[in-house]
C-alpha atoms as a PDB file:
ATOM      1  CA  MET A   1      15.719  23.421  21.402  1.00  0.00           C
ATOM      2  CA  ARG A   2      16.530  19.853  19.879  1.00  0.00           C
ATOM      3  CA  ASN A   3      15.012  16.727  21.113  1.00  0.00           C
ATOM      4  CA  THR A   4      17.508  14.548  23.149  1.00  0.00           C
ATOM      5  CA  THR A   5      15.826  11.517  22.392  1.00  0.00           C
ATOM      6  CA  SER A   6      16.357  11.412  18.742  1.00  0.00           C
ATOM      7  CA  LYS A   7      18.221   8.733  16.795  1.00  0.00           C
ATOM      8  CA  VAL A   8      20.926   8.874  14.144  1.00  0.00           C
ATOM      9  CA  CYS A   9      19.606   7.386  10.594  1.00  0.00           C
ATOM     10  CA  ARG A  10      21.047   4.163   9.816  1.00  0.00           C
ATOM     11  CA  GLN A  11      20.248   4.893   6.095  1.00  0.00           C
ATOM     12  CA  SER A  12      23.152   6.305   4.030  1.00  0.00           C
ATOM     13  CA  PRO A  13      22.421   8.998   1.680  1.00  0.00           C
ATOM     14  CA  PRO A  14      23.991   8.804  -1.670  1.00  0.00           C
ATOM     15  CA  LYS A  15      28.398   8.979  -1.946  1.00  0.00           C
ATOM     16  CA  GLN A  16      28.005  12.211  -3.430  1.00  0.00           C
ATOM     17  CA  GLU A  17      26.583  13.716  -0.305  1.00  0.00           C
ATOM     18  CA  PRO A  18      28.750  12.539   2.719  1.00  0.00           C
ATOM     19  CA  SER A  19      27.779  15.504   4.850  1.00  0.00           C
ATOM     20  CA  SER A  20      24.258  14.960   5.032  1.00  0.00           C
ATOM     21  CA  ILE A  21      22.989  14.218   8.649  1.00  0.00           C
ATOM     22  CA  HIS A  22      19.927  12.021   8.802  1.00  0.00           C
ATOM     23  CA  ARG A  23      17.787  11.990  12.205  1.00  0.00           C
ATOM     24  CA  PHE A  24      14.429  10.448  13.535  1.00  0.00           C
ATOM     25  CA  VAL A  25      12.634  11.622  16.302  1.00  0.00           C
ATOM     26  CA  ASN A  26      11.217   9.019  18.373  1.00  0.00           C
ATOM     27  CA  GLY A  27      11.191   6.534  15.731  1.00  0.00           C
ATOM     28  CA  ASP A  28       8.880   8.464  13.635  1.00  0.00           C
ATOM     29  CA  ARG A  29      10.282   8.817   9.872  1.00  0.00           C
ATOM     30  CA  HIS A  30      10.277  12.856  10.011  1.00  0.00           C
ATOM     31  CA  ALA A  31      13.713  14.014   9.238  1.00  0.00           C
ATOM     32  CA  VAL A  32      14.805  16.940  11.675  1.00  0.00           C
ATOM     33  CA  ASP A  33      18.119  17.776  10.726  1.00  0.00           C
ATOM     34  CA  CYS A  34      18.063  16.629   7.071  1.00  0.00           C
ATOM     35  CA  ASP A  35      17.556  18.760   3.983  1.00  0.00           C
ATOM     36  CA  SER A  36      14.701  17.509   2.176  1.00  0.00           C
ATOM     37  CA  THR A  37      16.401  17.168  -1.125  1.00  0.00           C
ATOM     38  CA  LYS A  38      19.561  15.161   0.554  1.00  0.00           C
ATOM     39  CA  CYS A  39      17.023  12.833   2.552  1.00  0.00           C
ATOM     40  CA  TYR A  40      16.579   9.188   1.288  1.00  0.00           C
ATOM     41  CA  HIS A  41      14.713   7.022   3.520  1.00  0.00           C
ATOM     42  CA  ALA A  42      13.166   3.526   2.192  1.00  0.00           C
ATOM     43  CA  SER A  43       9.530   3.071   2.430  1.00  0.00           C
ATOM     44  CA  THR A  44       8.697   1.170   5.594  1.00  0.00           C
ATOM     45  CA  ALA A  45       6.419  -2.294   5.281  1.00  0.00           C
ATOM     46  CA  LYS A  46       3.510  -2.937   7.740  1.00  0.00           C
ATOM     47  CA  VAL A  47       4.310  -5.847   9.652  1.00  0.00           C
ATOM     48  CA  GLU A  48       1.698  -8.340  10.617  1.00  0.00           C
ATOM     49  CA  MET A  49       1.137 -11.752  12.207  1.00  0.00           C
ATOM     50  CA  THR A  50      -1.113 -14.702  11.281  1.00  0.00           C
ATOM     51  CA  ALA A  51      -3.114 -16.300  14.151  1.00  0.00           C
ATOM     52  CA  ALA A  52      -0.586 -19.109  14.515  1.00  0.00           C
ATOM     53  CA  ALA A  53       2.403 -16.910  15.037  1.00  0.00           C
ATOM     54  CA  MET A  54       0.313 -14.923  17.677  1.00  0.00           C
ATOM     55  CA  ALA A  55      -0.194 -18.345  19.375  1.00  0.00           C
ATOM     56  CA  ASP A  56       3.429 -19.264  18.771  1.00  0.00           C
ATOM     57  CA  PHE A  57       4.455 -15.621  20.697  1.00  0.00           C
ATOM     58  CA  GLY A  58       2.196 -16.130  23.550  1.00  0.00           C
ATOM     59  CA  GLU A  59       4.032 -19.238  24.257  1.00  0.00           C
ATOM     60  CA  LEU A  60       7.737 -17.876  24.222  1.00  0.00           C
ATOM     61  CA  PRO A  61       9.400 -17.084  27.411  1.00  0.00           C
ATOM     62  CA  LYS A  62       9.306 -13.234  28.248  1.00  0.00           C
ATOM     63  CA  GLY A  63      12.680 -12.426  27.311  1.00  0.00           C
ATOM     64  CA  ILE A  64      12.617 -13.934  24.110  1.00  0.00           C
ATOM     65  CA  ARG A  65       9.334 -12.072  23.582  1.00  0.00           C
ATOM     66  CA  ASP A  66      11.316  -8.717  24.011  1.00  0.00           C
ATOM     67  CA  ARG A  67      13.949  -9.851  21.548  1.00  0.00           C
ATOM     68  CA  VAL A  68      11.146 -11.068  19.008  1.00  0.00           C
ATOM     69  CA  LEU A  69       9.423  -7.564  19.335  1.00  0.00           C
ATOM     70  CA  ALA A  70      12.698  -6.110  18.326  1.00  0.00           C
ATOM     71  CA  VAL A  71      13.081  -8.131  15.377  1.00  0.00           C
ATOM     72  CA  THR A  72       9.884  -7.265  14.099  1.00  0.00           C
ATOM     73  CA  LEU A  73      10.555  -3.559  14.246  1.00  0.00           C
ATOM     74  CA  ARG A  74      13.497  -4.503  12.240  1.00  0.00           C
ATOM     75  CA  LEU A  75      11.206  -5.803   9.765  1.00  0.00           C
ATOM     76  CA  ALA A  76       9.275  -2.966   9.425  1.00  0.00           C
ATOM     77  CA  ASN A  77      12.407  -1.908   7.310  1.00  0.00           C
ATOM     78  CA  TRP A  78      12.035  -4.673   4.676  1.00  0.00           C
ATOM     79  CA  PRO A  79      14.104  -5.338   2.030  1.00  0.00           C
ATOM     80  CA  GLU A  80      16.724  -3.737   4.086  1.00  0.00           C
ATOM     81  CA  VAL A  81      16.568  -6.275   7.023  1.00  0.00           C
ATOM     82  CA  SER A  82      20.171  -7.636   7.936  1.00  0.00           C
ATOM     83  CA  GLY A  83      19.980 -11.164   8.574  1.00  0.00           C
ATOM     84  CA  ALA A  84      17.192 -12.380   6.432  1.00  0.00           C
ATOM     85  CA  LYS A  85      17.525 -15.685   4.952  1.00  0.00           C
ATOM     86  CA  PRO A  86      15.671 -17.170   2.152  1.00  0.00           C
ATOM     87  CA  LEU A  87      13.991 -20.459   2.647  1.00  0.00           C
ATOM     88  CA  ARG A  88      13.829 -23.359   0.332  1.00  0.00           C
ATOM     89  CA  GLY A  89      11.862 -26.453  -0.592  1.00  0.00           C
ATOM     90  CA  GLU A  90       8.246 -26.491   0.631  1.00  0.00           C
ATOM     91  CA  VAL A  91       8.252 -23.060   2.138  1.00  0.00           C
ATOM     92  CA  ALA A  92      10.081 -21.416  -0.709  1.00  0.00           C
ATOM     93  CA  GLY A  93       9.175 -17.851  -0.698  1.00  0.00           C
ATOM     94  CA  ALA A  94       9.495 -17.718   3.186  1.00  0.00           C
ATOM     95  CA  PHE A  95      12.455 -15.910   4.674  1.00  0.00           C
ATOM     96  CA  ARG A  96      13.642 -16.361   8.393  1.00  0.00           C
ATOM     97  CA  VAL A  97      15.406 -14.005  10.724  1.00  0.00           C
ATOM     98  CA  ARG A  98      17.331 -15.576  13.835  1.00  0.00           C
ATOM     99  CA  THR A  99      17.625 -14.121  17.153  1.00  0.00           C
ATOM    100  CA  GLY A 100      19.499 -16.779  19.449  1.00  0.00           C
ATOM    101  CA  VAL A 101      18.223 -20.233  18.966  1.00  0.00           C
ATOM    102  CA  TYR A 102      14.436 -18.861  17.786  1.00  0.00           C
ATOM    103  CA  ARG A 103      13.574 -18.017  14.336  1.00  0.00           C
ATOM    104  CA  ILE A 104      10.961 -15.713  12.874  1.00  0.00           C
ATOM    105  CA  VAL A 105       9.683 -17.233   9.789  1.00  0.00           C
ATOM    106  CA  PHE A 106       7.747 -14.359   7.276  1.00  0.00           C
ATOM    107  CA  ARG A 107       6.762 -13.852   3.839  1.00  0.00           C
ATOM    108  CA  PRO A 108       6.748 -10.433   2.137  1.00  0.00           C
ATOM    109  CA  HIS A 109       3.746  -9.223   0.198  1.00  0.00           C
ATOM    110  CA  GLY A 110       4.506  -5.948  -1.561  1.00  0.00           C
ATOM    111  CA  ASP A 111       4.583  -3.617   0.980  1.00  0.00           C
ATOM    112  CA  ARG A 112       3.486  -6.062   3.851  1.00  0.00           C
ATOM    113  CA  VAL A 113       5.360  -8.407   5.901  1.00  0.00           C
ATOM    114  CA  VAL A 114       3.535 -11.380   7.211  1.00  0.00           C
ATOM    115  CA  ILE A 115       4.900 -13.283  10.260  1.00  0.00           C
ATOM    116  CA  GLU A 116       4.070 -16.892  10.027  1.00  0.00           C
ATOM    117  CA  ALA A 117       5.816 -18.755  12.510  1.00  0.00           C
ATOM    118  CA  ILE A 118       7.967 -17.994  15.531  1.00  0.00           C
ATOM    119  CA  GLY A 119       9.601 -20.944  17.531  1.00  0.00           C
ATOM    120  CA  HIS A 120      13.008 -22.445  18.795  1.00  0.00           C
ATOM    121  CA  ARG A 121      14.623 -23.960  15.514  1.00  0.00           C
ATOM    122  CA  LYS A 122      14.396 -27.425  15.968  1.00  0.00           C
ATOM    123  CA  ASP A 123      10.801 -27.189  15.337  1.00  0.00           C
ATOM    124  CA  VAL A 124       9.684 -24.068  13.852  1.00  0.00           C
ATOM    125  CA  TYR A 125       9.903 -25.366  10.321  1.00  0.00           C
ATOM    126  CA  GLU A 126       7.705 -28.262  11.173  1.00  0.00           C
ATOM    127  CA  ASP A 127       3.643 -28.161   9.936  1.00  0.00           C
END
């Protein structure tokens, strides 16, 4: 019997394999309905937060915290993160993802993504 809580994989197989169906079970990276020779999944990144980002997160309203948590789950798919924009100037090398008027500033470090700041767009980039 199949697990009814499985999710369809968002990563497409190469164009020559259009009939391949990918599924994840409960967010796990184990492909259930996938021929192992046709399954192509990106490696996941480990998402970490600095102490400052944790403090920023604690000060957010509850509804915003839920949205930020959803974004951190997306960051685990780095570099396949939609909406990530590189920053310029003094913070070059960092990226930001937005959720409403809030921004999550992060830096990729190999197979890790470090969240450095979380806050309202008017003051998240200030030191």
